[in-house]
């Protein structure tokens, strides 16, 4: 049993998998954070455009 525990504690074959899981989670988290920030700006820009089109007369060529 002692031999098994020693070999288990020195085995690093799963360490790369853990690293990839952590890195992938970080990339996904950053992607979600970026998407949230872009979505907020997009909604605000859409609201501003809607207000502009309701209050101003858009330029119409050859009127």
PDB file of N, CA and C in Angstrom:
ATOM      1  N   UNK A   1       0.827  -1.196   0.000  1.00  0.00           N
ATOM      2  CA  UNK A   1       0.000   0.000   0.000  1.00  0.00           C
ATOM      3  C   UNK A   1       0.868   1.255   0.000  1.00  0.00           C
ATOM      4  N   UNK A   2       1.944   1.247   0.742  1.00  0.00           N
ATOM      5  CA  UNK A   2       2.850   2.392   0.791  1.00  0.00           C
ATOM      6  C   UNK A   2       3.455   2.636  -0.594  1.00  0.00           C
ATOM      7  N   UNK A   3       3.803   1.573  -1.284  1.00  0.00           N
ATOM      8  CA  UNK A   3       4.373   1.700  -2.626  1.00  0.00           C
ATOM      9  C   UNK A   3       3.366   2.340  -3.578  1.00  0.00           C
ATOM     10  N   UNK A   4       2.106   1.946  -3.462  1.00  0.00           N
ATOM     11  CA  UNK A   4       1.065   2.527  -4.304  1.00  0.00           C
ATOM     12  C   UNK A   4       0.916   4.022  -4.036  1.00  0.00           C
ATOM     13  N   UNK A   5       0.894   4.430  -2.786  1.00  0.00           N
ATOM     14  CA  UNK A   5       0.750   5.840  -2.451  1.00  0.00           C
ATOM     15  C   UNK A   5       1.941   6.662  -2.938  1.00  0.00           C
ATOM     16  N   UNK A   6       3.135   6.122  -2.830  1.00  0.00           N
ATOM     17  CA  UNK A   6       4.319   6.840  -3.322  1.00  0.00           C
ATOM     18  C   UNK A   6       4.262   7.003  -4.839  1.00  0.00           C
ATOM     19  N   UNK A   7       3.915   5.931  -5.527  1.00  0.00           N
ATOM     20  CA  UNK A   7       3.847   6.036  -6.991  1.00  0.00           C
ATOM     21  C   UNK A   7       2.704   6.964  -7.416  1.00  0.00           C
ATOM     22  N   UNK A   8       1.621   6.957  -6.679  1.00  0.00           N
ATOM     23  CA  UNK A   8       0.491   7.839  -6.984  1.00  0.00           C
ATOM     24  C   UNK A   8       0.880   9.297  -6.778  1.00  0.00           C
ATOM     25  N   UNK A   9       1.617   9.613  -5.720  1.00  0.00           N
ATOM     26  CA  UNK A   9       1.993  10.995  -5.444  1.00  0.00           C
ATOM     27  C   UNK A   9       3.035  11.522  -6.425  1.00  0.00           C
ATOM     28  N   UNK A  10       3.804  10.642  -7.047  1.00  0.00           N
ATOM     29  CA  UNK A  10       4.816  11.073  -8.007  1.00  0.00           C
ATOM     30  C   UNK A  10       4.320  11.026  -9.448  1.00  0.00           C
ATOM     31  N   UNK A  11       3.148  10.486  -9.677  1.00  0.00           N
ATOM     32  CA  UNK A  11       2.606  10.385 -11.029  1.00  0.00           C
ATOM     33  C   UNK A  11       2.063  11.743 -11.458  1.00  0.00           C
ATOM     34  N   UNK A  12       2.525  12.263 -12.590  1.00  0.00           N
ATOM     35  CA  UNK A  12       2.083  13.581 -13.078  1.00  0.00           C
ATOM     36  C   UNK A  12       1.373  13.479 -14.427  1.00  0.00           C
ATOM     37  N   UNK A  13       0.852  12.333 -14.764  1.00  0.00           N
ATOM     38  CA  UNK A  13       0.233  12.161 -16.079  1.00  0.00           C
ATOM     39  C   UNK A  13      -1.059  12.965 -16.228  1.00  0.00           C
ATOM     40  N   UNK A  14      -1.750  13.290 -15.164  1.00  0.00           N
ATOM     41  CA  UNK A  14      -2.991  14.058 -15.252  1.00  0.00           C
ATOM     42  C   UNK A  14      -2.802  15.542 -15.062  1.00  0.00           C
ATOM     43  N   UNK A  15      -1.575  15.986 -14.805  1.00  0.00           N
ATOM     44  CA  UNK A  15      -1.330  17.398 -14.532  1.00  0.00           C
ATOM     45  C   UNK A  15      -1.605  18.269 -15.749  1.00  0.00           C
ATOM     46  N   UNK A  16      -1.294  17.780 -16.921  1.00  0.00           N
ATOM     47  CA  UNK A  16      -1.535  18.556 -18.144  1.00  0.00           C
ATOM     48  C   UNK A  16      -3.026  18.744 -18.359  1.00  0.00           C
ATOM     49  N   UNK A  17      -3.794  17.734 -18.063  1.00  0.00           N
ATOM     50  CA  UNK A  17      -5.248  17.832 -18.206  1.00  0.00           C
ATOM     51  C   UNK A  17      -5.814  18.899 -17.288  1.00  0.00           C
ATOM     52  N   UNK A  18      -5.344  18.933 -16.067  1.00  0.00           N
ATOM     53  CA  UNK A  18      -5.809  19.950 -15.115  1.00  0.00           C
ATOM     54  C   UNK A  18      -5.431  21.334 -15.606  1.00  0.00           C
ATOM     55  N   UNK A  19      -4.225  21.490 -16.135  1.00  0.00           N
ATOM     56  CA  UNK A  19      -3.812  22.789 -16.664  1.00  0.00           C
ATOM     57  C   UNK A  19      -4.716  23.234 -17.810  1.00  0.00           C
ATOM     58  N   UNK A  20      -5.025  22.310 -18.713  1.00  0.00           N
ATOM     59  CA  UNK A  20      -5.887  22.663 -19.842  1.00  0.00           C
ATOM     60  C   UNK A  20      -7.299  23.028 -19.387  1.00  0.00           C
ATOM     61  N   UNK A  21      -7.796  22.342 -18.391  1.00  0.00           N
ATOM     62  CA  UNK A  21      -9.135  22.659 -17.883  1.00  0.00           C
ATOM     63  C   UNK A  21      -9.152  24.056 -17.289  1.00  0.00           C
ATOM     64  N   UNK A  22      -8.134  24.398 -16.519  1.00  0.00           N
ATOM     65  CA  UNK A  22      -8.067  25.733 -15.905  1.00  0.00           C
ATOM     66  C   UNK A  22      -7.909  26.803 -16.977  1.00  0.00           C
ATOM     67  N   UNK A  23      -7.034  26.584 -17.947  1.00  0.00           N
ATOM     68  CA  UNK A  23      -6.840  27.567 -19.015  1.00  0.00           C
ATOM     69  C   UNK A  23      -8.101  27.740 -19.854  1.00  0.00           C
ATOM     70  N   UNK A  24      -8.769  26.639 -20.158  1.00  0.00           N
ATOM     71  CA  UNK A  24     -10.008  26.727 -20.933  1.00  0.00           C
ATOM     72  C   UNK A  24     -11.093  27.477 -20.176  1.00  0.00           C
ATOM     73  N   UNK A  25     -11.200  27.233 -18.893  1.00  0.00           N
ATOM     74  CA  UNK A  25     -12.180  27.952 -18.076  1.00  0.00           C
ATOM     75  C   UNK A  25     -11.867  29.446 -18.046  1.00  0.00           C
ATOM     76  N   UNK A  26     -10.591  29.795 -17.982  1.00  0.00           N
ATOM     77  CA  UNK A  26     -10.215  31.212 -17.977  1.00  0.00           C
ATOM     78  C   UNK A  26     -10.568  31.874 -19.307  1.00  0.00           C
ATOM     79  N   UNK A  27     -10.315  31.194 -20.414  1.00  0.00           N
ATOM     80  CA  UNK A  27     -10.636  31.754 -21.730  1.00  0.00           C
ATOM     81  C   UNK A  27     -12.142  31.923 -21.889  1.00  0.00           C
ATOM     82  N   UNK A  28     -12.902  30.943 -21.463  1.00  0.00           N
ATOM     83  CA  UNK A  28     -14.361  31.043 -21.552  1.00  0.00           C
ATOM     84  C   UNK A  28     -14.872  32.187 -20.672  1.00  0.00           C
ATOM     85  N   UNK A  29     -14.325  32.310 -19.475  1.00  0.00           N
ATOM     86  CA  UNK A  29     -14.739  33.402 -18.582  1.00  0.00           C
ATOM     87  C   UNK A  29     -14.440  34.767 -19.169  1.00  0.00           C
ATOM     88  N   UNK A  30     -13.261  34.932 -19.759  1.00  0.00           N
ATOM     89  CA  UNK A  30     -12.924  36.210 -20.388  1.00  0.00           C
ATOM     90  C   UNK A  30     -13.810  36.489 -21.598  1.00  0.00           C
ATOM     91  N   UNK A  31     -14.141  35.448 -22.337  1.00  0.00           N
ATOM     92  CA  UNK A  31     -15.037  35.623 -23.477  1.00  0.00           C
ATOM     93  C   UNK A  31     -16.427  36.068 -23.060  1.00  0.00           C
ATOM     94  N   UNK A  32     -16.922  35.487 -22.001  1.00  0.00           N
ATOM     95  CA  UNK A  32     -18.241  35.883 -21.495  1.00  0.00           C
ATOM     96  C   UNK A  32     -18.212  37.318 -20.986  1.00  0.00           C
ATOM     97  N   UNK A  33     -17.147  37.689 -20.289  1.00  0.00           N
ATOM     98  CA  UNK A  33     -17.030  39.062 -19.784  1.00  0.00           C
ATOM     99  C   UNK A  33     -16.986  40.061 -20.939  1.00  0.00           C
ATOM    100  N   UNK A  34     -16.262  39.738 -21.989  1.00  0.00           N
ATOM    101  CA  UNK A  34     -16.199  40.625 -23.151  1.00  0.00           C
ATOM    102  C   UNK A  34     -17.554  40.724 -23.834  1.00  0.00           C
ATOM    103  N   UNK A  35     -18.255  39.602 -23.958  1.00  0.00           N
ATOM    104  CA  UNK A  35     -19.566  39.605 -24.611  1.00  0.00           C
ATOM    105  C   UNK A  35     -20.571  40.445 -23.831  1.00  0.00           C
ATOM    106  N   UNK A  36     -20.501  40.393 -22.516  1.00  0.00           N
ATOM    107  CA  UNK A  36     -21.414  41.198 -21.695  1.00  0.00           C
ATOM    108  C   UNK A  36     -21.150  42.676 -21.912  1.00  0.00           C
ATOM    109  N   UNK A  37     -19.877  43.071 -21.943  1.00  0.00           N
ATOM    110  CA  UNK A  37     -19.544  44.480 -22.155  1.00  0.00           C
ATOM    111  C   UNK A  37     -19.966  44.953 -23.535  1.00  0.00           C
ATOM    112  N   UNK A  38     -19.770  44.137 -24.552  1.00  0.00           N
ATOM    113  CA  UNK A  38     -20.168  44.516 -25.898  1.00  0.00           C
ATOM    114  C   UNK A  38     -21.688  44.591 -25.993  1.00  0.00           C
ATOM    115  N   UNK A  39     -22.387  43.680 -25.366  1.00  0.00           N
ATOM    116  CA  UNK A  39     -23.854  43.671 -25.421  1.00  0.00           C
ATOM    117  C   UNK A  39     -24.432  44.932 -24.785  1.00  0.00           C
ATOM    118  N   UNK A  40     -23.861  45.370 -23.660  1.00  0.00           N
ATOM    119  CA  UNK A  40     -24.350  46.595 -23.019  1.00  0.00           C
ATOM    120  C   UNK A  40     -24.176  47.802 -23.939  1.00  0.00           C
ATOM    121  N   UNK A  41     -23.021  47.905 -24.572  1.00  0.00           N
ATOM    122  CA  UNK A  41     -22.780  49.014 -25.487  1.00  0.00           C
ATOM    123  C   UNK A  41     -23.673  48.961 -26.709  1.00  0.00           C
ATOM    124  N   UNK A  42     -23.956  47.759 -27.189  1.00  0.00           N
ATOM    125  CA  UNK A  42     -24.806  47.603 -28.366  1.00  0.00           C
ATOM    126  C   UNK A  42     -26.235  48.038 -28.066  1.00  0.00           C
ATOM    127  N   UNK A  43     -26.737  47.670 -26.913  1.00  0.00           N
ATOM    128  CA  UNK A  43     -28.098  48.068 -26.526  1.00  0.00           C
ATOM    129  C   UNK A  43     -28.177  49.584 -26.400  1.00  0.00           C
ATOM    130  N   UNK A  44     -27.184  50.179 -25.776  1.00  0.00           N
ATOM    131  CA  UNK A  44     -27.185  51.633 -25.612  1.00  0.00           C
ATOM    132  C   UNK A  44     -27.111  52.336 -26.966  1.00  0.00           C
ATOM    133  N   UNK A  45     -26.274  51.831 -27.871  1.00  0.00           N
ATOM    134  CA  UNK A  45     -26.177  52.441 -29.196  1.00  0.00           C
ATOM    135  C   UNK A  45     -27.485  52.297 -29.959  1.00  0.00           C
ATOM    136  N   UNK A  46     -28.146  51.160 -29.839  1.00  0.00           N
ATOM    137  CA  UNK A  46     -29.434  50.970 -30.491  1.00  0.00           C
ATOM    138  C   UNK A  46     -30.490  51.919 -29.957  1.00  0.00           C
ATOM    139  N   UNK A  47     -30.490  52.116 -28.655  1.00  0.00           N
ATOM    140  CA  UNK A  47     -31.432  53.066 -28.055  1.00  0.00           C
ATOM    141  C   UNK A  47     -31.166  54.483 -28.550  1.00  0.00           C
ATOM    142  N   UNK A  48     -29.887  54.858 -28.608  1.00  0.00           N
ATOM    143  CA  UNK A  48     -29.537  56.199 -29.101  1.00  0.00           C
ATOM    144  C   UNK A  48     -29.946  56.377 -30.558  1.00  0.00           C
ATOM    145  N   UNK A  49     -29.740  55.370 -31.383  1.00  0.00           N
ATOM    146  CA  UNK A  49     -30.130  55.452 -32.780  1.00  0.00           C
ATOM    147  C   UNK A  49     -31.643  55.557 -32.920  1.00  0.00           C
ATOM    148  N   UNK A  50     -32.371  54.783 -32.129  1.00  0.00           N
ATOM    149  CA  UNK A  50     -33.825  54.862 -32.169  1.00  0.00           C
ATOM    150  C   UNK A  50     -34.338  56.236 -31.780  1.00  0.00           C
ATOM    151  N   UNK A  51     -33.744  56.824 -30.755  1.00  0.00           N
ATOM    152  CA  UNK A  51     -34.129  58.176 -30.330  1.00  0.00           C
ATOM    153  C   UNK A  51     -33.828  59.183 -31.425  1.00  0.00           C
ATOM    154  N   UNK A  52     -32.661  59.062 -32.047  1.00  0.00           N
ATOM    155  CA  UNK A  52     -32.295  59.981 -33.131  1.00  0.00           C
ATOM    156  C   UNK A  52     -33.266  59.881 -34.291  1.00  0.00           C
ATOM    157  N   UNK A  53     -33.612  58.662 -34.677  1.00  0.00           N
ATOM    158  CA  UNK A  53     -34.511  58.505 -35.815  1.00  0.00           C
ATOM    159  C   UNK A  53     -35.931  58.968 -35.506  1.00  0.00           C
ATOM    160  N   UNK A  54     -36.324  58.947 -34.248  1.00  0.00           N
ATOM    161  CA  UNK A  54     -37.666  59.424 -33.882  1.00  0.00           C
ATOM    162  C   UNK A  54     -37.708  60.949 -33.814  1.00  0.00           C
ATOM    163  N   UNK A  55     -36.600  61.587 -33.444  1.00  0.00           N
ATOM    164  CA  UNK A  55     -36.635  63.037 -33.221  1.00  0.00           C
ATOM    165  C   UNK A  55     -36.090  63.841 -34.396  1.00  0.00           C
ATOM    166  N   UNK A  56     -35.193  63.305 -35.175  1.00  0.00           N
ATOM    167  CA  UNK A  56     -34.576  64.032 -36.279  1.00  0.00           C
ATOM    168  C   UNK A  56     -35.134  63.536 -37.602  1.00  0.00           C
ATOM    169  N   UNK A  57     -35.011  64.374 -38.580  1.00  0.00           N
ATOM    170  CA  UNK A  57     -35.432  63.978 -39.926  1.00  0.00           C
ATOM    171  C   UNK A  57     -34.208  63.444 -40.652  1.00  0.00           C
ATOM    172  N   UNK A  58     -34.175  62.168 -40.964  1.00  0.00           N
ATOM    173  CA  UNK A  58     -33.005  61.607 -41.628  1.00  0.00           C
ATOM    174  C   UNK A  58     -32.809  62.201 -43.032  1.00  0.00           C
ATOM    175  N   UNK A  59     -31.576  62.248 -43.487  1.00  0.00           N
ATOM    176  CA  UNK A  59     -31.257  62.764 -44.808  1.00  0.00           C
ATOM    177  C   UNK A  59     -31.748  61.790 -45.865  1.00  0.00           C
ATOM    178  N   UNK A  60     -32.548  62.295 -46.768  1.00  0.00           N
ATOM    179  CA  UNK A  60     -33.047  61.475 -47.864  1.00  0.00           C
ATOM    180  C   UNK A  60     -32.558  62.117 -49.154  1.00  0.00           C
ATOM    181  N   UNK A  61     -31.767  61.407 -49.919  1.00  0.00           N
ATOM    182  CA  UNK A  61     -31.182  61.938 -51.133  1.00  0.00           C
ATOM    183  C   UNK A  61     -32.235  62.008 -52.239  1.00  0.00           C
ATOM    184  N   UNK A  62     -32.163  63.042 -53.066  1.00  0.00           N
ATOM    185  CA  UNK A  62     -33.068  63.253 -54.219  1.00  0.00           C
ATOM    186  C   UNK A  62     -34.508  63.412 -53.787  1.00  0.00           C
ATOM    187  N   UNK A  63     -34.717  64.198 -52.774  1.00  0.00           N
ATOM    188  CA  UNK A  63     -36.090  64.404 -52.308  1.00  0.00           C
ATOM    189  C   UNK A  63     -36.731  65.549 -53.039  1.00  0.00           C
TER     190      UNK A  63
END
